[in-house]
Amino acid sequence: MTSHVRGLFEVTMTPQPAQDGVGDPAFGRMAPDKRFRGDLQATGKNQMLALRTDTEGSAGHVALERVEGSLHGRHGAYALRTAAR
């Protein structure tokens, strides 16, 4: 059985300041918040690390997100991990 969920989401990106003496200052930290609308009515809270290199188009990120909301009348929460390079 295959199910599909349809909807849209909006993202608000909030840059987080670097901490002196913690990690590599070349990394950017973001706290994206998402709002899902459609079959999934939910919010997502994220923590993301990103890094660009001197090579144009070369970058990567990794993020953890906690999503909480309802889908077809069922309420709950789950965690996501995303990465791109």
C-alpha atoms as a PDB file:
ATOM      1  CA  MET A   1       0.000   0.000   0.000  1.00  0.00           C
ATOM      2  CA  THR A   2       1.394   3.382  -1.023  1.00  0.00           C
ATOM      3  CA  SER A   3       0.241   6.625   0.575  1.00  0.00           C
ATOM      4  CA  HIS A   4       0.930  10.179  -0.476  1.00  0.00           C
ATOM      5  CA  VAL A   5       0.806  13.358   1.549  1.00  0.00           C
ATOM      6  CA  ARG A   6       0.224  16.656  -0.202  1.00  0.00           C
ATOM      7  CA  GLY A   7       0.838  20.141   1.069  1.00  0.00           C
ATOM      8  CA  LEU A   8       3.168  23.069   1.325  1.00  0.00           C
ATOM      9  CA  PHE A   9       5.588  24.319   3.921  1.00  0.00           C
ATOM     10  CA  GLU A  10       7.099  27.682   4.787  1.00  0.00           C
ATOM     11  CA  VAL A  11      10.595  28.063   6.225  1.00  0.00           C
ATOM     12  CA  THR A  12      11.891  30.877   8.421  1.00  0.00           C
ATOM     13  CA  MET A  13      15.708  30.831   8.631  1.00  0.00           C
ATOM     14  CA  THR A  14      17.258  32.302  11.772  1.00  0.00           C
ATOM     15  CA  PRO A  15      21.072  32.583  11.767  1.00  0.00           C
ATOM     16  CA  GLN A  16      22.706  31.542  15.026  1.00  0.00           C
ATOM     17  CA  PRO A  17      25.856  33.298  16.279  1.00  0.00           C
ATOM     18  CA  ALA A  18      29.156  31.446  16.405  1.00  0.00           C
ATOM     19  CA  GLN A  19      30.488  30.642  19.859  1.00  0.00           C
ATOM     20  CA  ASP A  20      34.030  31.794  20.583  1.00  0.00           C
ATOM     21  CA  GLY A  21      36.372  28.826  20.893  1.00  0.00           C
ATOM     22  CA  VAL A  22      33.741  26.276  19.814  1.00  0.00           C
ATOM     23  CA  GLY A  23      34.210  24.457  16.523  1.00  0.00           C
ATOM     24  CA  ASP A  24      35.399  25.891  13.227  1.00  0.00           C
ATOM     25  CA  PRO A  25      34.156  29.453  12.593  1.00  0.00           C
ATOM     26  CA  ALA A  26      33.794  28.588   8.875  1.00  0.00           C
ATOM     27  CA  PHE A  27      30.631  26.650   9.752  1.00  0.00           C
ATOM     28  CA  GLY A  28      27.354  28.519   9.701  1.00  0.00           C
ATOM     29  CA  ARG A  29      24.661  27.597  12.235  1.00  0.00           C
ATOM     30  CA  MET A  30      20.991  28.110  11.450  1.00  0.00           C
ATOM     31  CA  ALA A  31      17.746  27.439  13.306  1.00  0.00           C
ATOM     32  CA  PRO A  32      15.143  26.969  10.560  1.00  0.00           C
ATOM     33  CA  ASP A  33      11.498  26.762  11.659  1.00  0.00           C
ATOM     34  CA  LYS A  34       8.919  25.160   9.348  1.00  0.00           C
ATOM     35  CA  ARG A  35       5.156  25.369   9.163  1.00  0.00           C
ATOM     36  CA  PHE A  36       3.447  22.576   7.215  1.00  0.00           C
ATOM     37  CA  ARG A  37       0.000  23.055   5.642  1.00  0.00           C
ATOM     38  CA  GLY A  38      -2.080  20.540   3.757  1.00  0.00           C
ATOM     39  CA  ASP A  39      -2.568  16.891   4.693  1.00  0.00           C
ATOM     40  CA  LEU A  40       0.127  17.407   7.341  1.00  0.00           C
ATOM     41  CA  GLN A  41      -0.647  20.246   9.761  1.00  0.00           C
ATOM     42  CA  ALA A  42       2.568  20.614  11.745  1.00  0.00           C
ATOM     43  CA  THR A  43       5.525  22.664  12.864  1.00  0.00           C
ATOM     44  CA  GLY A  44       9.179  21.729  12.601  1.00  0.00           C
ATOM     45  CA  LYS A  45      12.089  22.975  14.709  1.00  0.00           C
ATOM     46  CA  ASN A  46      15.598  22.532  13.291  1.00  0.00           C
ATOM     47  CA  GLN A  47      19.279  22.833  14.070  1.00  0.00           C
ATOM     48  CA  MET A  48      21.486  23.033  10.978  1.00  0.00           C
ATOM     49  CA  LEU A  49      25.219  23.280  10.315  1.00  0.00           C
ATOM     50  CA  ALA A  50      26.366  24.456   6.881  1.00  0.00           C
ATOM     51  CA  LEU A  51      29.727  24.988   5.219  1.00  0.00           C
ATOM     52  CA  ARG A  52      30.733  26.632   1.938  1.00  0.00           C
ATOM     53  CA  THR A  53      34.087  26.157   0.309  1.00  0.00           C
ATOM     54  CA  ASP A  54      36.113  28.412  -1.971  1.00  0.00           C
ATOM     55  CA  THR A  55      34.905  26.344  -4.944  1.00  0.00           C
ATOM     56  CA  GLU A  56      31.795  27.895  -6.487  1.00  0.00           C
ATOM     57  CA  GLY A  57      28.732  25.696  -5.978  1.00  0.00           C
ATOM     58  CA  SER A  58      30.488  23.563  -3.368  1.00  0.00           C
ATOM     59  CA  ALA A  59      28.706  23.441  -0.017  1.00  0.00           C
ATOM     60  CA  GLY A  60      27.110  21.030   2.399  1.00  0.00           C
ATOM     61  CA  HIS A  61      24.766  20.923   5.347  1.00  0.00           C
ATOM     62  CA  VAL A  62      23.440  18.551   7.956  1.00  0.00           C
ATOM     63  CA  ALA A  63      20.313  19.153  10.027  1.00  0.00           C
ATOM     64  CA  LEU A  64      18.128  17.543  12.658  1.00  0.00           C
ATOM     65  CA  GLU A  65      14.447  18.452  12.820  1.00  0.00           C
ATOM     66  CA  ARG A  66      11.618  17.625  15.200  1.00  0.00           C
ATOM     67  CA  VAL A  67       8.195  17.750  13.548  1.00  0.00           C
ATOM     68  CA  GLU A  68       5.005  17.768  15.619  1.00  0.00           C
ATOM     69  CA  GLY A  69       1.461  17.919  14.319  1.00  0.00           C
ATOM     70  CA  SER A  70      -1.408  15.949  12.858  1.00  0.00           C
ATOM     71  CA  LEU A  71      -1.860  13.875   9.726  1.00  0.00           C
ATOM     72  CA  HIS A  72      -5.329  12.652   8.760  1.00  0.00           C
ATOM     73  CA  GLY A  73      -6.589  13.094  12.335  1.00  0.00           C
ATOM     74  CA  ARG A  74      -3.640  11.394  14.060  1.00  0.00           C
ATOM     75  CA  HIS A  75      -1.367  13.517  16.257  1.00  0.00           C
ATOM     76  CA  GLY A  76       2.283  12.832  16.980  1.00  0.00           C
ATOM     77  CA  ALA A  77       5.903  13.793  16.503  1.00  0.00           C
ATOM     78  CA  TYR A  78       8.918  12.432  14.672  1.00  0.00           C
ATOM     79  CA  ALA A  79      12.522  13.321  13.974  1.00  0.00           C
ATOM     80  CA  LEU A  80      14.195  13.877  10.601  1.00  0.00           C
ATOM     81  CA  ARG A  81      17.837  14.003   9.581  1.00  0.00           C
ATOM     82  CA  THR A  82      18.792  15.762   6.377  1.00  0.00           C
ATOM     83  CA  ALA A  83      22.120  16.210   4.668  1.00  0.00           C
ATOM     84  CA  ALA A  84      23.239  17.684   1.358  1.00  0.00           C
ATOM     85  CA  ARG A  85      26.563  18.036  -0.345  1.00  0.00           C
END
